[in-house]
Structure formats: structure tokens, C-alpha cells
């Protein structure tokens, strides 16, 4: 595999990991906001409830899966680190080849 291909693949992989990190971060933010909204709704229901069974009614909507988003964030962190190492290695090999030719 030519050095340029290894470098390009590393950059492409890093960019893809960056996009996935942004997506996972947005999902985490959305899940957190949804959970806060659900908690506020539950508190309001408890304050306004005439009967105890009304006070424990769960919110209708389900928040996005926070655990899956956190796992995805960690996976993409490892992907970004691996691609960074690929870029670094391609750069070092290219530098070595240039030094040998000169």
C-alpha cells in the first residue's frame, strides 16, 4: 500500500470518527434534556395530583438511549486515536523515505 493511501485512509477514518463523535454527543445531550423534561413533568404531576396513584404515572415519551450513546462515543474515541496513529505512522515513514533519498 502506498504511503499516500495510508495517510488518506487515516485522515478519512479520523474525519468519520469525528462525525460520529458529534452525533453521539448530540444524542447524549438530547437524552439528558429529555430526562430533565420528564423529571419536571413528573414533579408537576406529583404536585397537582389529587390521588396518590396519579402522582406516580410515568411520562409518556421515552428518552433516547443514553447508555448506547455513551458506548458509541467511547468507540469513536478509540477509532479517532487509531486513525491518528495511522496518520502519524504514515508521516514518519514518509519522513524516513525522504531522509534516505536525500
C-alpha atoms as a PDB file:
ATOM      1  CA  UNK A   1       0.000   0.000   0.000  1.00  0.00           C
ATOM      2  CA  UNK A   2       1.484   3.375  -0.955  1.00  0.00           C
ATOM      3  CA  UNK A   3       2.188   5.820   1.881  1.00  0.00           C
ATOM      4  CA  UNK A   4      -0.235   8.358   0.401  1.00  0.00           C
ATOM      5  CA  UNK A   5      -3.073   5.823   0.587  1.00  0.00           C
ATOM      6  CA  UNK A   6      -2.307   5.017   4.211  1.00  0.00           C
ATOM      7  CA  UNK A   7      -2.257   8.715   5.052  1.00  0.00           C
ATOM      8  CA  UNK A   8      -5.521   9.359   3.150  1.00  0.00           C
ATOM      9  CA  UNK A   9      -7.230   6.403   4.810  1.00  0.00           C
ATOM     10  CA  UNK A  10      -6.126   7.659   8.219  1.00  0.00           C
ATOM     11  CA  UNK A  11      -7.488  11.143   7.525  1.00  0.00           C
ATOM     12  CA  UNK A  12     -10.744   9.753   6.150  1.00  0.00           C
ATOM     13  CA  UNK A  13     -11.153   7.464   9.172  1.00  0.00           C
ATOM     14  CA  UNK A  14     -10.413  10.316  11.565  1.00  0.00           C
ATOM     15  CA  UNK A  15     -12.998  12.547   9.867  1.00  0.00           C
ATOM     16  CA  UNK A  16     -15.596   9.763  10.022  1.00  0.00           C
ATOM     17  CA  UNK A  17     -14.858   9.213  13.723  1.00  0.00           C
ATOM     18  CA  UNK A  18     -15.192  12.964  14.347  1.00  0.00           C
ATOM     19  CA  UNK A  19     -18.620  12.985  12.715  1.00  0.00           C
ATOM     20  CA  UNK A  20     -19.748  10.008  14.793  1.00  0.00           C
ATOM     21  CA  UNK A  21     -18.445  11.680  17.962  1.00  0.00           C
ATOM     22  CA  UNK A  22     -20.532  14.760  17.160  1.00  0.00           C
ATOM     23  CA  UNK A  23     -23.598  12.588  16.549  1.00  0.00           C
ATOM     24  CA  UNK A  24     -23.135  10.642  19.804  1.00  0.00           C
ATOM     25  CA  UNK A  25     -22.606  13.895  21.721  1.00  0.00           C
ATOM     26  CA  UNK A  26     -25.831  15.321  20.280  1.00  0.00           C
ATOM     27  CA  UNK A  27     -27.692  12.138  21.267  1.00  0.00           C
ATOM     28  CA  UNK A  28     -26.328  12.370  24.805  1.00  0.00           C
ATOM     29  CA  UNK A  29     -27.389  15.997  25.020  1.00  0.00           C
ATOM     30  CA  UNK A  30     -30.847  15.199  23.675  1.00  0.00           C
ATOM     31  CA  UNK A  31     -31.267  12.294  26.130  1.00  0.00           C
ATOM     32  CA  UNK A  32     -30.189  14.470  29.040  1.00  0.00           C
ATOM     33  CA  UNK A  33     -32.599  17.256  28.105  1.00  0.00           C
ATOM     34  CA  UNK A  34     -35.417  14.762  27.590  1.00  0.00           C
ATOM     35  CA  UNK A  35     -34.758  13.219  31.011  1.00  0.00           C
ATOM     36  CA  UNK A  36     -34.818  16.661  32.644  1.00  0.00           C
ATOM     37  CA  UNK A  37     -38.116  17.461  30.918  1.00  0.00           C
ATOM     38  CA  UNK A  38     -39.591  14.134  32.023  1.00  0.00           C
ATOM     39  CA  UNK A  39     -38.449  14.744  35.604  1.00  0.00           C
ATOM     40  CA  UNK A  40     -40.088  18.173  35.607  1.00  0.00           C
ATOM     41  CA  UNK A  41     -43.327  16.746  34.232  1.00  0.00           C
ATOM     42  CA  UNK A  42     -43.307  14.026  36.895  1.00  0.00           C
ATOM     43  CA  UNK A  43     -42.755  16.630  39.626  1.00  0.00           C
ATOM     44  CA  UNK A  44     -45.632  18.741  38.314  1.00  0.00           C
ATOM     45  CA  UNK A  45     -47.884  15.700  38.252  1.00  0.00           C
ATOM     46  CA  UNK A  46     -46.986  14.889  41.837  1.00  0.00           C
ATOM     47  CA  UNK A  47     -47.747  18.420  42.959  1.00  0.00           C
ATOM     48  CA  UNK A  48     -51.074  18.551  41.107  1.00  0.00           C
ATOM     49  CA  UNK A  49     -52.232  15.009  41.826  1.00  0.00           C
ATOM     50  CA  UNK A  50     -55.424  14.586  43.777  1.00  0.00           C
ATOM     51  CA  UNK A  51     -54.846  10.866  44.317  1.00  0.00           C
ATOM     52  CA  UNK A  52     -51.565   9.066  45.101  1.00  0.00           C
ATOM     53  CA  UNK A  53     -51.809   6.732  42.081  1.00  0.00           C
ATOM     54  CA  UNK A  54     -51.841   9.754  39.744  1.00  0.00           C
ATOM     55  CA  UNK A  55     -48.605  11.005  41.263  1.00  0.00           C
ATOM     56  CA  UNK A  56     -46.569   8.010  40.114  1.00  0.00           C
ATOM     57  CA  UNK A  57     -47.758   7.964  36.494  1.00  0.00           C
ATOM     58  CA  UNK A  58     -44.634   7.632  34.326  1.00  0.00           C
ATOM     59  CA  UNK A  59     -44.011  10.077  31.460  1.00  0.00           C
ATOM     60  CA  UNK A  60     -45.443   9.032  28.103  1.00  0.00           C
ATOM     61  CA  UNK A  61     -42.299   9.524  25.992  1.00  0.00           C
ATOM     62  CA  UNK A  62     -39.115   7.505  26.338  1.00  0.00           C
ATOM     63  CA  UNK A  63     -35.774   9.352  26.247  1.00  0.00           C
ATOM     64  CA  UNK A  64     -33.104   8.310  23.730  1.00  0.00           C
ATOM     65  CA  UNK A  65     -30.815   5.518  24.916  1.00  0.00           C
ATOM     66  CA  UNK A  66     -28.142   7.311  26.888  1.00  0.00           C
ATOM     67  CA  UNK A  67     -26.102   4.153  27.511  1.00  0.00           C
ATOM     68  CA  UNK A  68     -25.858   3.352  23.796  1.00  0.00           C
ATOM     69  CA  UNK A  69     -24.782   6.903  23.003  1.00  0.00           C
ATOM     70  CA  UNK A  70     -22.070   6.808  25.675  1.00  0.00           C
ATOM     71  CA  UNK A  71     -20.740   3.496  24.350  1.00  0.00           C
ATOM     72  CA  UNK A  72     -20.751   4.868  20.795  1.00  0.00           C
ATOM     73  CA  UNK A  73     -18.849   7.945  21.986  1.00  0.00           C
ATOM     74  CA  UNK A  74     -16.150   5.758  23.555  1.00  0.00           C
ATOM     75  CA  UNK A  75     -15.895   3.517  20.467  1.00  0.00           C
ATOM     76  CA  UNK A  76     -15.424   6.540  18.224  1.00  0.00           C
ATOM     77  CA  UNK A  77     -12.798   7.919  20.590  1.00  0.00           C
ATOM     78  CA  UNK A  78     -10.789   4.726  20.063  1.00  0.00           C
ATOM     79  CA  UNK A  79     -11.358   4.953  16.306  1.00  0.00           C
ATOM     80  CA  UNK A  80     -10.095   8.529  16.246  1.00  0.00           C
ATOM     81  CA  UNK A  81      -6.993   7.562  18.251  1.00  0.00           C
ATOM     82  CA  UNK A  82      -6.277   4.610  15.950  1.00  0.00           C
ATOM     83  CA  UNK A  83      -6.607   6.752  12.839  1.00  0.00           C
ATOM     84  CA  UNK A  84      -4.413   9.437  14.394  1.00  0.00           C
ATOM     85  CA  UNK A  85      -1.754   6.793  14.955  1.00  0.00           C
ATOM     86  CA  UNK A  86      -2.092   5.680  11.318  1.00  0.00           C
ATOM     87  CA  UNK A  87      -1.555   9.258  10.151  1.00  0.00           C
ATOM     88  CA  UNK A  88       1.428   9.655  12.475  1.00  0.00           C
ATOM     89  CA  UNK A  89       2.987   6.377  11.270  1.00  0.00           C
ATOM     90  CA  UNK A  90       2.491   7.271   7.589  1.00  0.00           C
ATOM     91  CA  UNK A  91       4.101  10.646   8.253  1.00  0.00           C
ATOM     92  CA  UNK A  92       7.096   9.038   9.989  1.00  0.00           C
ATOM     93  CA  UNK A  93       7.568   6.500   7.184  1.00  0.00           C
ATOM     94  CA  UNK A  94       7.380   9.249   4.582  1.00  0.00           C
ATOM     95  CA  UNK A  95       9.917  11.290   6.547  1.00  0.00           C
ATOM     96  CA  UNK A  96      12.243   8.293   6.734  1.00  0.00           C
ATOM     97  CA  UNK A  97      11.956   7.694   2.992  1.00  0.00           C
ATOM     98  CA  UNK A  98      12.723  11.328   2.250  1.00  0.00           C
ATOM     99  CA  UNK A  99      15.764  11.213   4.556  1.00  0.00           C
ATOM    100  CA  UNK A 100      17.036   8.063   2.811  1.00  0.00           C
ATOM    101  CA  UNK A 101      16.684   9.585  -0.672  1.00  0.00           C
ATOM    102  CA  UNK A 102      18.390  12.868   0.229  1.00  0.00           C
END
